[in-house]
C-alpha atoms as a PDB file:
ATOM      1  CA  MET A   1     217.398  32.702-135.703  1.00  0.00           C
ATOM      2  CA  SER A   2     219.553  35.694-136.456  1.00  0.00           C
ATOM      3  CA  ASP A   3     222.673  33.636-135.976  1.00  0.00           C
ATOM      4  CA  ASN A   4     223.791  32.058-139.288  1.00  0.00           C
ATOM      5  CA  ALA A   5     225.524  29.145-137.513  1.00  0.00           C
ATOM      6  CA  ASN A   6     222.210  28.112-136.038  1.00  0.00           C
ATOM      7  CA  ASN A   7     220.196  28.455-139.352  1.00  0.00           C
ATOM      8  CA  LYS A   8     219.631  24.893-140.842  1.00  0.00           C
ATOM      9  CA  ASN A   9     218.678  26.400-144.384  1.00  0.00           C
ATOM     10  CA  GLU A  10     221.283  26.821-146.996  1.00  0.00           C
ATOM     11  CA  GLU A  11     221.759  30.455-147.884  1.00  0.00           C
ATOM     12  CA  LEU A  12     221.114  31.175-151.678  1.00  0.00           C
ATOM     13  CA  GLY A  13     222.178  34.717-151.665  1.00  0.00           C
ATOM     14  CA  ALA A  14     221.767  38.280-150.270  1.00  0.00           C
ATOM     15  CA  LEU A  15     219.813  41.372-151.081  1.00  0.00           C
ATOM     16  CA  TRP A  16     220.084  45.093-150.347  1.00  0.00           C
ATOM     17  CA  LYS A  17     217.634  47.885-150.448  1.00  0.00           C
ATOM     18  CA  ARG A  18     218.176  50.302-153.203  1.00  0.00           C
ATOM     19  CA  GLU A  19     216.557  53.360-154.650  1.00  0.00           C
ATOM     20  CA  SER A  20     216.702  54.647-158.291  1.00  0.00           C
ATOM     21  CA  LYS A  21     218.624  57.858-158.905  1.00  0.00           C
ATOM     22  CA  ASN A  22     215.476  59.771-159.416  1.00  0.00           C
ATOM     23  CA  GLY A  23     214.064  58.413-156.218  1.00  0.00           C
ATOM     24  CA  ASN A  24     210.833  57.152-157.858  1.00  0.00           C
ATOM     25  CA  THR A  25     211.577  53.344-157.463  1.00  0.00           C
ATOM     26  CA  LYS A  26     212.603  51.281-154.529  1.00  0.00           C
ATOM     27  CA  TYR A  27     214.030  47.786-155.167  1.00  0.00           C
ATOM     28  CA  LEU A  28     216.344  45.098-153.972  1.00  0.00           C
ATOM     29  CA  ALA A  29     219.681  44.241-155.553  1.00  0.00           C
ATOM     30  CA  GLY A  30     222.081  41.368-154.722  1.00  0.00           C
ATOM     31  CA  THR A  31     223.361  38.103-155.701  1.00  0.00           C
ATOM     32  CA  MET A  32     222.040  34.593-155.846  1.00  0.00           C
ATOM     33  CA  LYS A  33     223.956  31.283-155.904  1.00  0.00           C
ATOM     34  CA  LEU A  34     222.653  28.969-158.627  1.00  0.00           C
ATOM     35  CA  ASN A  35     223.685  25.398-159.523  1.00  0.00           C
ATOM     36  CA  VAL A  36     224.060  25.398-163.277  1.00  0.00           C
ATOM     37  CA  ASN A  37     225.192  22.013-164.831  1.00  0.00           C
ATOM     38  CA  GLY A  38     226.777  20.958-161.655  1.00  0.00           C
ATOM     39  CA  GLN A  39     228.741  24.231-161.244  1.00  0.00           C
ATOM     40  CA  GLU A  40     227.851  26.798-158.770  1.00  0.00           C
ATOM     41  CA  GLU A  41     227.416  30.204-160.331  1.00  0.00           C
ATOM     42  CA  THR A  42     226.819  33.648-158.622  1.00  0.00           C
ATOM     43  CA  VAL A  43     224.340  35.667-160.531  1.00  0.00           C
ATOM     44  CA  LYS A  44     223.530  39.424-159.929  1.00  0.00           C
ATOM     45  CA  VAL A  45     219.771  40.002-159.432  1.00  0.00           C
ATOM     46  CA  VAL A  46     217.263  42.893-158.978  1.00  0.00           C
ATOM     47  CA  VAL A  47     213.865  42.471-157.294  1.00  0.00           C
ATOM     48  CA  PHE A  48     211.008  44.763-158.110  1.00  0.00           C
ATOM     49  CA  SER A  49     207.454  45.036-156.537  1.00  0.00           C
ATOM     50  CA  ASN A  50     204.889  43.709-159.097  1.00  0.00           C
ATOM     51  CA  ASP A  51     202.805  46.788-159.481  1.00  0.00           C
ATOM     52  CA  LYS A  52     200.843  45.170-162.334  1.00  0.00           C
ATOM     53  CA  ARG A  53     199.144  42.476-160.206  1.00  0.00           C
ATOM     54  CA  GLY A  54     195.929  41.540-161.987  1.00  0.00           C
ATOM     55  CA  ASN A  55     194.770  39.091-159.266  1.00  0.00           C
ATOM     56  CA  GLU A  56     195.542  37.746-155.919  1.00  0.00           C
ATOM     57  CA  LYS A  57     197.505  34.667-157.501  1.00  0.00           C
ATOM     58  CA  ALA A  58     199.998  37.163-159.223  1.00  0.00           C
ATOM     59  CA  PRO A  59     203.367  37.249-157.510  1.00  0.00           C
ATOM     60  CA  ASP A  60     204.048  40.260-155.237  1.00  0.00           C
ATOM     61  CA  TYR A  61     207.546  40.577-156.378  1.00  0.00           C
ATOM     62  CA  ARG A  62     209.483  39.750-159.739  1.00  0.00           C
ATOM     63  CA  VAL A  63     213.196  38.742-159.855  1.00  0.00           C
ATOM     64  CA  TYR A  64     215.292  39.555-162.855  1.00  0.00           C
ATOM     65  CA  LYS A  65     218.864  38.796-163.708  1.00  0.00           C
ATOM     66  CA  GLN A  66     220.734  42.134-163.577  1.00  0.00           C
ATOM     67  CA  ARG A  67     222.032  43.405-166.840  1.00  0.00           C
ATOM     68  CA  GLU A  68     225.346  44.839-167.260  1.00  0.00           C
ATOM     69  CA  MET A  69     225.437  48.617-166.971  1.00  0.00           C
ATOM     70  CA  ALA A  70     226.914  49.231-170.413  1.00  0.00           C
ATOM     71  CA  GLN A  71     224.303  47.067-172.047  1.00  0.00           C
ATOM     72  CA  ALA A  72     221.311  48.817-170.100  1.00  0.00           C
ATOM     73  CA  THR A  73     222.726  52.237-171.147  1.00  0.00           C
ATOM     74  CA  THR A  74     222.975  51.420-174.698  1.00  0.00           C
ATOM     75  CA  GLN A  75     219.548  50.109-174.856  1.00  0.00           C
ATOM     76  CA  GLY A  76     218.179  53.243-173.369  1.00  0.00           C
ATOM     77  CA  ASP A  77     216.857  51.700-170.035  1.00  0.00           C
ATOM     78  CA  ASP A  78     216.615  53.892-166.997  1.00  0.00           C
ATOM     79  CA  ASP A  79     219.107  54.090-164.134  1.00  0.00           C
ATOM     80  CA  ILE A  80     217.703  51.261-162.109  1.00  0.00           C
ATOM     81  CA  LEU A  81     219.355  48.349-163.746  1.00  0.00           C
END
């Protein structure tokens, strides 16, 4: 089903493979379309592998809303977000 015209599911967004500047972390980055109070909103997201899985019921990946770069820099976060 690689042809989007034949896909009966509604697309919610798109993700791209990324790697941190230091090369230590691989992740996905992209956008998701959300319906918020009847309005469609596009939200930037990042997806990381859950390396702290305590058991088999824990999720394999976690999805986060991407922070603005200026905010991430002022808070001392690394170069991923």
